[in-house]
Every structure is written in structure tokens, then in C-alpha cells.
Amino acid sequence: MTSRETESGRRQVEFVCHAPEAKTVYLAGSFNGWDPNDTPMARSRSGDWRATLPLSPGRYEYKFVIDGRWVCDAGCSDAPSHRCPVCVTNAFGTMNKVVEVA
């Protein structure tokens, strides 16, 4: 994930998911009402899927929706784990990724 500032004070934040076998990948999170169809990601030749969103400063939680399956990352079990420093347990007992926008 990378970011750069816009004139409005929002930051362009790029989200990346490596899922070369996926047919579709969407981004769902607190920034789009957790809508699994709102933010499609574009596939690159390397198998990375990317989406860039303008976000105001704050803390956001999100997941990827890979071929209809909600995950923190491709190949991630989504079970609570302390191995991922940018993930938190959600109300459903699975994990969400976290991004802090400064």
C-alpha cells in the first residue's frame, strides 16, 4: 500500500492484493460501507490487483473479496493471529487489515 497527498488534503492510497489465480477482486472496508461490489480492483500482468482511493486522514479497516470470498490477503486463513501486525480481530471472529492515513 502506498499513498500521496491530493489538493483537498485527502491522500491517494493504493491497495494491492497478490492473487494471480483470481477471476475478480474487490476492496471492501470502513471507507465504502463494507460494500463487496463497490470497489473493483484492476489486475496487472504480475497477478497483483490494485485499487487507489482518496482517503481523509484516519484509521480504516478493510478486506479483499477474492472471487466472492472475504479475506485479509490471498492465501490467508483469516483466523485470528498475532503474526500480522496490520490486522485486527473483527466482530465476526475473523481478521481485518488496518490502514492509518496521516
C-alpha atoms as a PDB file:
ATOM      1  CA  MET A   1       0.000   0.000   0.000  1.00  0.00           C
ATOM      2  CA  THR A   2       1.289   3.444  -0.915  1.00  0.00           C
ATOM      3  CA  SER A   3      -0.139   6.945  -0.546  1.00  0.00           C
ATOM      4  CA  ARG A   4       0.306  10.513  -1.794  1.00  0.00           C
ATOM      5  CA  GLU A   5      -1.488  13.741  -0.823  1.00  0.00           C
ATOM      6  CA  THR A   6      -4.082  15.483  -3.002  1.00  0.00           C
ATOM      7  CA  GLU A   7      -5.008  19.176  -3.043  1.00  0.00           C
ATOM      8  CA  SER A   8      -8.081  18.512  -0.874  1.00  0.00           C
ATOM      9  CA  GLY A   9      -5.933  17.149   1.963  1.00  0.00           C
ATOM     10  CA  ARG A  10      -7.017  13.599   1.201  1.00  0.00           C
ATOM     11  CA  ARG A  11      -4.396  11.033   0.372  1.00  0.00           C
ATOM     12  CA  GLN A  12      -4.443   8.759  -2.656  1.00  0.00           C
ATOM     13  CA  VAL A  13      -3.962   5.351  -1.047  1.00  0.00           C
ATOM     14  CA  GLU A  14      -3.099   2.385  -3.243  1.00  0.00           C
ATOM     15  CA  PHE A  15      -4.196  -1.077  -2.074  1.00  0.00           C
ATOM     16  CA  VAL A  16      -2.536  -4.157  -3.555  1.00  0.00           C
ATOM     17  CA  CYS A  17      -3.527  -7.824  -3.333  1.00  0.00           C
ATOM     18  CA  HIS A  18      -1.442 -10.560  -4.948  1.00  0.00           C
ATOM     19  CA  ALA A  19      -3.922 -13.123  -6.276  1.00  0.00           C
ATOM     20  CA  PRO A  20      -2.737 -14.352  -9.702  1.00  0.00           C
ATOM     21  CA  GLU A  21      -5.367 -17.107  -9.919  1.00  0.00           C
ATOM     22  CA  ALA A  22      -8.328 -14.850  -9.051  1.00  0.00           C
ATOM     23  CA  LYS A  23     -11.054 -14.004 -11.528  1.00  0.00           C
ATOM     24  CA  THR A  24     -12.293 -10.939  -9.571  1.00  0.00           C
ATOM     25  CA  VAL A  25     -11.028  -8.968  -6.593  1.00  0.00           C
ATOM     26  CA  TYR A  26     -12.900  -6.187  -4.806  1.00  0.00           C
ATOM     27  CA  LEU A  27     -11.903  -3.970  -1.906  1.00  0.00           C
ATOM     28  CA  ALA A  28     -14.403  -3.613   0.951  1.00  0.00           C
ATOM     29  CA  GLY A  29     -13.893  -1.634   4.124  1.00  0.00           C
ATOM     30  CA  SER A  30     -14.983   1.053   6.512  1.00  0.00           C
ATOM     31  CA  PHE A  31     -14.274   3.605   3.749  1.00  0.00           C
ATOM     32  CA  ASN A  32     -17.025   2.235   1.453  1.00  0.00           C
ATOM     33  CA  GLY A  33     -19.618   0.869   3.889  1.00  0.00           C
ATOM     34  CA  TRP A  34     -18.176  -2.649   3.572  1.00  0.00           C
ATOM     35  CA  ASP A  35     -19.847  -2.970   0.170  1.00  0.00           C
ATOM     36  CA  PRO A  36     -18.309  -6.051  -1.527  1.00  0.00           C
ATOM     37  CA  ASN A  37     -19.185  -4.727  -5.001  1.00  0.00           C
ATOM     38  CA  ASP A  38     -18.316  -1.029  -4.641  1.00  0.00           C
ATOM     39  CA  THR A  39     -14.582  -1.004  -5.349  1.00  0.00           C
ATOM     40  CA  PRO A  40     -13.332  -3.377  -8.061  1.00  0.00           C
ATOM     41  CA  MET A  41      -9.598  -3.855  -8.275  1.00  0.00           C
ATOM     42  CA  ALA A  42      -7.649  -3.970 -11.557  1.00  0.00           C
ATOM     43  CA  ARG A  43      -5.389  -6.923 -12.352  1.00  0.00           C
ATOM     44  CA  SER A  44      -1.823  -6.397 -13.539  1.00  0.00           C
ATOM     45  CA  ARG A  45       0.230  -8.858 -15.592  1.00  0.00           C
ATOM     46  CA  SER A  46       2.136  -9.883 -12.445  1.00  0.00           C
ATOM     47  CA  GLY A  47      -1.054 -11.124 -10.752  1.00  0.00           C
ATOM     48  CA  ASP A  48      -1.331  -8.128  -8.425  1.00  0.00           C
ATOM     49  CA  TRP A  49      -4.736  -6.485  -8.104  1.00  0.00           C
ATOM     50  CA  ARG A  50      -4.744  -2.732  -7.405  1.00  0.00           C
ATOM     51  CA  ALA A  51      -7.180  -0.011  -6.408  1.00  0.00           C
ATOM     52  CA  THR A  52      -6.427   3.586  -5.446  1.00  0.00           C
ATOM     53  CA  LEU A  53      -8.804   5.549  -3.222  1.00  0.00           C
ATOM     54  CA  PRO A  54      -8.756   9.150  -1.973  1.00  0.00           C
ATOM     55  CA  LEU A  55      -8.988   8.872   1.827  1.00  0.00           C
ATOM     56  CA  SER A  56      -9.124  11.515   4.522  1.00  0.00           C
ATOM     57  CA  PRO A  57      -6.769  11.156   7.476  1.00  0.00           C
ATOM     58  CA  GLY A  58      -7.922   8.450   9.872  1.00  0.00           C
ATOM     59  CA  ARG A  59      -7.930   4.745  10.625  1.00  0.00           C
ATOM     60  CA  TYR A  60      -9.664   2.328   8.262  1.00  0.00           C
ATOM     61  CA  GLU A  61     -10.297  -1.416   8.338  1.00  0.00           C
ATOM     62  CA  TYR A  62     -10.695  -3.426   5.150  1.00  0.00           C
ATOM     63  CA  LYS A  63     -10.679  -6.825   3.450  1.00  0.00           C
ATOM     64  CA  PHE A  64     -10.306  -8.141  -0.059  1.00  0.00           C
ATOM     65  CA  VAL A  65     -13.189 -10.024  -1.678  1.00  0.00           C
ATOM     66  CA  ILE A  66     -11.492 -12.585  -3.912  1.00  0.00           C
ATOM     67  CA  ASP A  67     -13.893 -14.485  -6.161  1.00  0.00           C
ATOM     68  CA  GLY A  68     -16.654 -13.821  -3.620  1.00  0.00           C
ATOM     69  CA  ARG A  69     -14.593 -14.869  -0.570  1.00  0.00           C
ATOM     70  CA  TRP A  70     -13.745 -12.264   2.111  1.00  0.00           C
ATOM     71  CA  VAL A  71     -10.062 -12.462   3.123  1.00  0.00           C
ATOM     72  CA  CYS A  72      -7.288 -10.297   4.559  1.00  0.00           C
ATOM     73  CA  ASP A  73      -4.951 -11.473   1.810  1.00  0.00           C
ATOM     74  CA  ALA A  74      -4.826 -14.229  -0.780  1.00  0.00           C
ATOM     75  CA  GLY A  75      -3.737 -17.432   0.918  1.00  0.00           C
ATOM     76  CA  CYS A  76      -4.545 -16.026   4.389  1.00  0.00           C
ATOM     77  CA  SER A  77      -6.591 -18.301   6.656  1.00  0.00           C
ATOM     78  CA  ASP A  78      -8.408 -15.248   8.092  1.00  0.00           C
ATOM     79  CA  ALA A  79      -8.252 -16.843  11.548  1.00  0.00           C
ATOM     80  CA  PRO A  80      -7.207 -14.566  14.431  1.00  0.00           C
ATOM     81  CA  SER A  81      -3.429 -14.461  14.532  1.00  0.00           C
ATOM     82  CA  HIS A  82      -0.766 -12.236  16.019  1.00  0.00           C
ATOM     83  CA  ARG A  83       1.530 -12.862  13.043  1.00  0.00           C
ATOM     84  CA  CYS A  84       0.135  -9.947  11.022  1.00  0.00           C
ATOM     85  CA  PRO A  85       0.980  -6.558  12.558  1.00  0.00           C
ATOM     86  CA  VAL A  86      -1.547  -4.723  10.352  1.00  0.00           C
ATOM     87  CA  CYS A  87      -4.556  -6.942  11.155  1.00  0.00           C
ATOM     88  CA  VAL A  88      -7.137  -6.828  13.927  1.00  0.00           C
ATOM     89  CA  THR A  89      -9.879  -9.213  15.016  1.00  0.00           C
ATOM     90  CA  ASN A  90     -13.348  -8.101  13.939  1.00  0.00           C
ATOM     91  CA  ALA A  91     -16.804  -8.697  15.476  1.00  0.00           C
ATOM     92  CA  PHE A  92     -17.210 -11.871  13.377  1.00  0.00           C
ATOM     93  CA  GLY A  93     -14.096 -13.524  14.830  1.00  0.00           C
ATOM     94  CA  THR A  94     -12.083 -13.141  11.626  1.00  0.00           C
ATOM     95  CA  MET A  95      -9.405 -10.618  10.746  1.00  0.00           C
ATOM     96  CA  ASN A  96      -9.467  -7.189   9.087  1.00  0.00           C
ATOM     97  CA  LYS A  97      -6.463  -5.341   7.697  1.00  0.00           C
ATOM     98  CA  VAL A  98      -5.864  -1.827   9.035  1.00  0.00           C
ATOM     99  CA  VAL A  99      -4.526   1.254   7.300  1.00  0.00           C
ATOM    100  CA  GLU A 100      -3.718   4.535   9.061  1.00  0.00           C
ATOM    101  CA  VAL A 101      -3.863   7.583   6.785  1.00  0.00           C
ATOM    102  CA  ALA A 102      -1.877  10.543   8.101  1.00  0.00           C
END
